[in-house]
Protein backbone atom coordinates (compact mmCIF):
# COMPACT_ATOMS: atom_id res chain seq x y z
CA UNK A 1 -18.60 2.24 -11.50
CA UNK A 2 -17.20 -1.25 -10.99
CA UNK A 3 -13.77 -0.83 -12.33
CA UNK A 4 -13.28 2.53 -10.09
CA UNK A 5 -13.41 -0.24 -7.30
CA UNK A 6 -10.31 -2.48 -8.62
CA UNK A 7 -8.70 0.91 -9.22
CA UNK A 8 -9.29 2.03 -5.46
CA UNK A 9 -8.24 -1.59 -4.32
CA UNK A 10 -5.50 -1.72 -6.19
CA UNK A 11 -4.47 1.54 -4.20
CA UNK A 12 -5.21 0.80 -1.01
CA UNK A 13 -3.30 -2.34 -1.21
CA UNK A 14 -0.14 -0.39 -2.40
CA UNK A 15 -0.45 1.58 0.02
CA UNK A 16 -0.83 -1.07 2.69
CA UNK A 17 3.07 -2.14 1.41
CA UNK A 18 4.32 1.18 2.58
CA UNK A 19 2.50 1.26 5.81
CA UNK A 20 0.73 -1.70 6.80
CA UNK A 21 -2.26 0.48 8.83
CA UNK A 22 -2.70 3.76 7.36
CA UNK A 23 -5.12 2.49 4.49
CA UNK A 24 -6.62 0.46 7.19
CA UNK A 25 -7.86 3.49 8.92
CA UNK A 26 -8.37 5.68 5.83
CA UNK A 27 -10.92 2.95 4.84
CA UNK A 28 -12.26 2.20 8.59
CA UNK A 29 -12.68 6.18 9.28
CA UNK A 30 -14.04 6.93 5.73
CA UNK A 31 -16.59 3.90 6.45
CA UNK A 32 -17.45 5.09 9.68
CA UNK A 33 -17.77 8.98 9.34
CA UNK A 34 -18.93 9.22 5.33
CA UNK A 35 -20.89 7.38 2.61
CA UNK A 36 -18.27 7.22 0.20
CA UNK A 37 -17.59 3.31 1.60
CA UNK A 38 -20.21 0.94 2.56
CA UNK A 39 -18.05 -1.96 4.19
CA UNK A 40 -19.89 -5.28 3.69
CA UNK A 41 -19.66 -8.26 6.20
CA UNK A 42 -17.39 -9.03 7.22
CA UNK A 43 -15.32 -6.01 6.31
CA UNK A 44 -17.67 -3.86 8.66
CA UNK A 45 -15.85 -4.81 11.49
CA UNK A 46 -13.02 -2.35 10.80
CA UNK A 47 -15.35 0.07 11.42
CA UNK A 48 -15.21 -0.99 15.35
CA UNK A 49 -14.03 1.41 17.92
CA UNK A 50 -12.10 -1.19 19.27
CA UNK A 51 -10.18 -2.14 15.71
CA UNK A 52 -9.88 1.63 14.73
CA UNK A 53 -8.42 1.98 18.11
CA UNK A 54 -5.72 -0.87 17.79
CA UNK A 55 -5.29 0.12 14.05
CA UNK A 56 -4.21 3.98 15.58
CA UNK A 57 -1.96 2.22 18.28
CA UNK A 58 -0.04 0.17 15.64
CA UNK A 59 -0.18 3.05 13.31
CA UNK A 60 1.84 4.76 16.26
CA UNK A 61 4.23 1.90 17.26
CA UNK A 62 5.09 1.65 13.13
CA UNK A 63 5.45 5.48 12.88
CA UNK A 64 7.97 5.21 15.34
CA UNK A 65 9.80 2.25 14.89
CA UNK A 66 10.36 3.10 11.12
CA UNK A 67 12.24 6.29 12.24
CA UNK A 68 15.17 4.43 14.14
CA UNK A 69 17.90 3.19 11.48
CA UNK A 70 18.48 -0.08 13.36
CA UNK A 71 14.93 -0.83 14.43
CA UNK A 72 13.44 0.33 11.18
CA UNK A 73 14.97 -2.96 9.46
CA UNK A 74 13.86 -4.90 12.13
CA UNK A 75 10.12 -3.66 11.41
CA UNK A 76 10.61 -4.38 7.83
CA UNK A 77 11.54 -8.00 8.40
CA UNK A 78 8.15 -8.07 10.88
CA UNK A 79 5.83 -6.13 8.16
CA UNK A 80 6.84 -8.59 5.57
CA UNK A 81 4.24 -10.58 6.91
CA UNK A 82 1.85 -8.08 7.89
CA UNK A 83 1.95 -5.38 5.05
CA UNK A 84 1.00 -7.78 2.57
CA UNK A 85 -1.93 -9.20 4.78
CA UNK A 86 -2.98 -5.71 5.77
CA UNK A 87 -3.06 -5.04 1.54
CA UNK A 88 -4.99 -8.15 1.05
CA UNK A 89 -7.81 -6.81 3.46
CA UNK A 90 -7.76 -3.59 1.91
CA UNK A 91 -8.00 -4.98 -1.41
CA UNK A 92 -10.99 -7.10 -0.30
CA UNK A 93 -12.83 -5.03 1.85
CA UNK A 94 -12.69 -2.07 -0.61
CA UNK A 95 -12.86 -4.19 -3.84
CA UNK A 96 -16.03 -5.82 -2.42
CA UNK A 97 -17.97 -2.29 -1.84
CA UNK A 98 -18.15 -2.01 -5.39
CA UNK A 99 -18.12 -5.21 -7.25
CA UNK A 100 -18.07 -8.88 -6.96
CA UNK A 101 -14.56 -9.98 -7.26
CA UNK A 102 -14.62 -13.40 -5.49
CA UNK A 103 -12.83 -12.60 -2.34
CA UNK A 104 -9.87 -15.36 -2.40
CA UNK A 105 -8.71 -13.46 -5.33
CA UNK A 106 -9.19 -10.19 -3.95
CA UNK A 107 -6.99 -11.50 -1.12
CA UNK A 108 -4.51 -12.63 -3.68
CA UNK A 109 -4.48 -9.52 -5.51
CA UNK A 110 -4.11 -7.48 -2.57
CA UNK A 111 -1.55 -9.62 -0.64
CA UNK A 112 0.55 -9.85 -3.97
CA UNK A 113 0.72 -5.73 -4.57
CA UNK A 114 0.83 -4.97 -1.35
CA UNK A 115 4.11 -7.56 -1.02
CA UNK A 116 5.60 -6.34 -4.06
CA UNK A 117 5.51 -2.85 -2.67
CA UNK A 118 6.66 -3.98 0.64
CA UNK A 119 9.45 -6.17 -1.07
CA UNK A 120 10.97 -3.04 -3.10
CA UNK A 121 11.16 -0.71 -0.57
CA UNK A 122 12.71 -2.91 1.88
CA UNK A 123 15.22 -5.16 -0.41
CA UNK A 124 16.01 -2.33 -2.76
CA UNK A 125 15.15 1.49 -1.40
CA UNK A 126 15.55 1.39 1.95
CA UNK A 127 18.85 -0.39 2.12
CA UNK A 128 20.12 2.01 -0.60
CA UNK A 129 19.30 5.12 1.17
CA UNK A 130 21.05 3.45 4.02
CA UNK A 131 23.93 2.64 2.10
CA UNK A 132 24.01 6.19 0.29
CA UNK A 133 23.61 8.50 3.33
CA UNK A 134 24.42 6.98 6.20
CA UNK A 135 21.34 6.10 7.92
CA UNK A 136 20.32 9.99 7.94
CA UNK A 137 18.08 9.96 5.21
CA UNK A 138 15.85 6.96 6.95
CA UNK A 139 13.68 9.37 8.77
CA UNK A 140 12.92 12.19 5.75
CA UNK A 141 12.10 8.96 3.20
CA UNK A 142 9.95 7.32 6.26
CA UNK A 143 7.81 10.46 6.64
CA UNK A 144 8.00 10.54 2.92
CA UNK A 145 6.24 6.79 2.57
CA UNK A 146 3.91 7.68 5.71
CA UNK A 147 2.52 11.06 3.66
CA UNK A 148 2.61 9.01 -0.14
CA UNK A 149 0.73 5.95 2.00
CA UNK A 150 -1.88 8.38 3.53
CA UNK A 151 -2.60 10.21 0.16
CA UNK A 152 -2.75 7.05 -1.96
CA UNK A 153 -5.14 5.79 0.52
CA UNK A 154 -7.50 8.99 0.10
CA UNK A 155 -6.93 9.48 -3.67
CA UNK A 156 -7.91 5.91 -4.25
CA UNK A 157 -11.83 6.08 -2.13
CA UNK A 158 -11.96 9.50 -3.05
CA UNK A 159 -10.68 9.64 -6.94
CA UNK A 160 -9.96 6.01 -7.88
CA UNK A 161 -9.39 7.48 -11.41
CA UNK A 162 -6.42 9.17 -10.47
CA UNK A 163 -5.09 5.53 -9.29
CA UNK A 164 -6.07 4.34 -13.08
CA UNK A 165 -3.86 7.30 -14.24
CA UNK A 166 -0.72 6.21 -12.14
CA UNK A 167 -1.23 2.71 -13.32
CA UNK A 168 -1.50 3.56 -16.56
CA UNK A 169 2.33 5.67 -16.00
CA UNK A 170 3.96 3.27 -14.08
CA UNK A 171 2.83 0.61 -16.39
CA UNK A 172 4.07 2.62 -19.17
CA UNK A 173 7.07 2.98 -17.96
CA UNK A 174 8.11 -0.20 -16.99
CA UNK A 175 7.24 -1.38 -20.56
CA UNK A 176 9.48 1.23 -21.92
CA UNK A 177 12.28 0.40 -19.65
CA UNK A 178 12.09 -3.20 -19.94
CA UNK A 179 12.23 -2.25 -24.01
CA UNK A 180 14.80 -0.39 -23.47
CA UNK A 181 16.95 -2.95 -21.78
CA UNK A 182 16.18 -5.36 -24.81
CA UNK A 183 16.88 -3.25 -27.21
CA UNK A 184 20.37 -2.51 -25.20
CA UNK A 185 21.29 -5.97 -24.82
CA UNK A 186 20.25 -6.84 -28.30
CA UNK A 187 22.53 -4.10 -29.72
CA UNK A 188 25.44 -5.06 -27.68
CA UNK A 189 25.32 -9.02 -28.79
């Protein structure tokens, strides 16, 4: 069961790289209204109505800011600090539910995962979408990111084995690509 807690943590922190507040809201709502998550101190502060209200407001701000081509780049710049932090909190809060991972390790892993997803989104995906569609693709891509973030957050808690499968598939794909890339450079040399 401890392994599934880690998979949940990985999924939630990756989700935070797309949208900082959705995974925190999912954790807060599931901890408040279900038995799927029971947050330990200090993470149980996420179930406070004040924190939930703040997360809802911040989610709405991010949702709308991310839909306007000029504003979304400024939002992504601001979110460079927020999303990794949210990923660290989501990882630490969810990993600590089932496992006894040291909080510093949990925060560090969450920071790296959310930061990596955010960097890929901000430095590679979004500029490519903007350049190839003249900005017209930003809104559909942003909506897709929000949907993926929501589904990933829910699945991370409810069915963490799905996250394990996704992790295996993505890791295999990366290894395959790296091996193929190194073979093509070896053949060219």
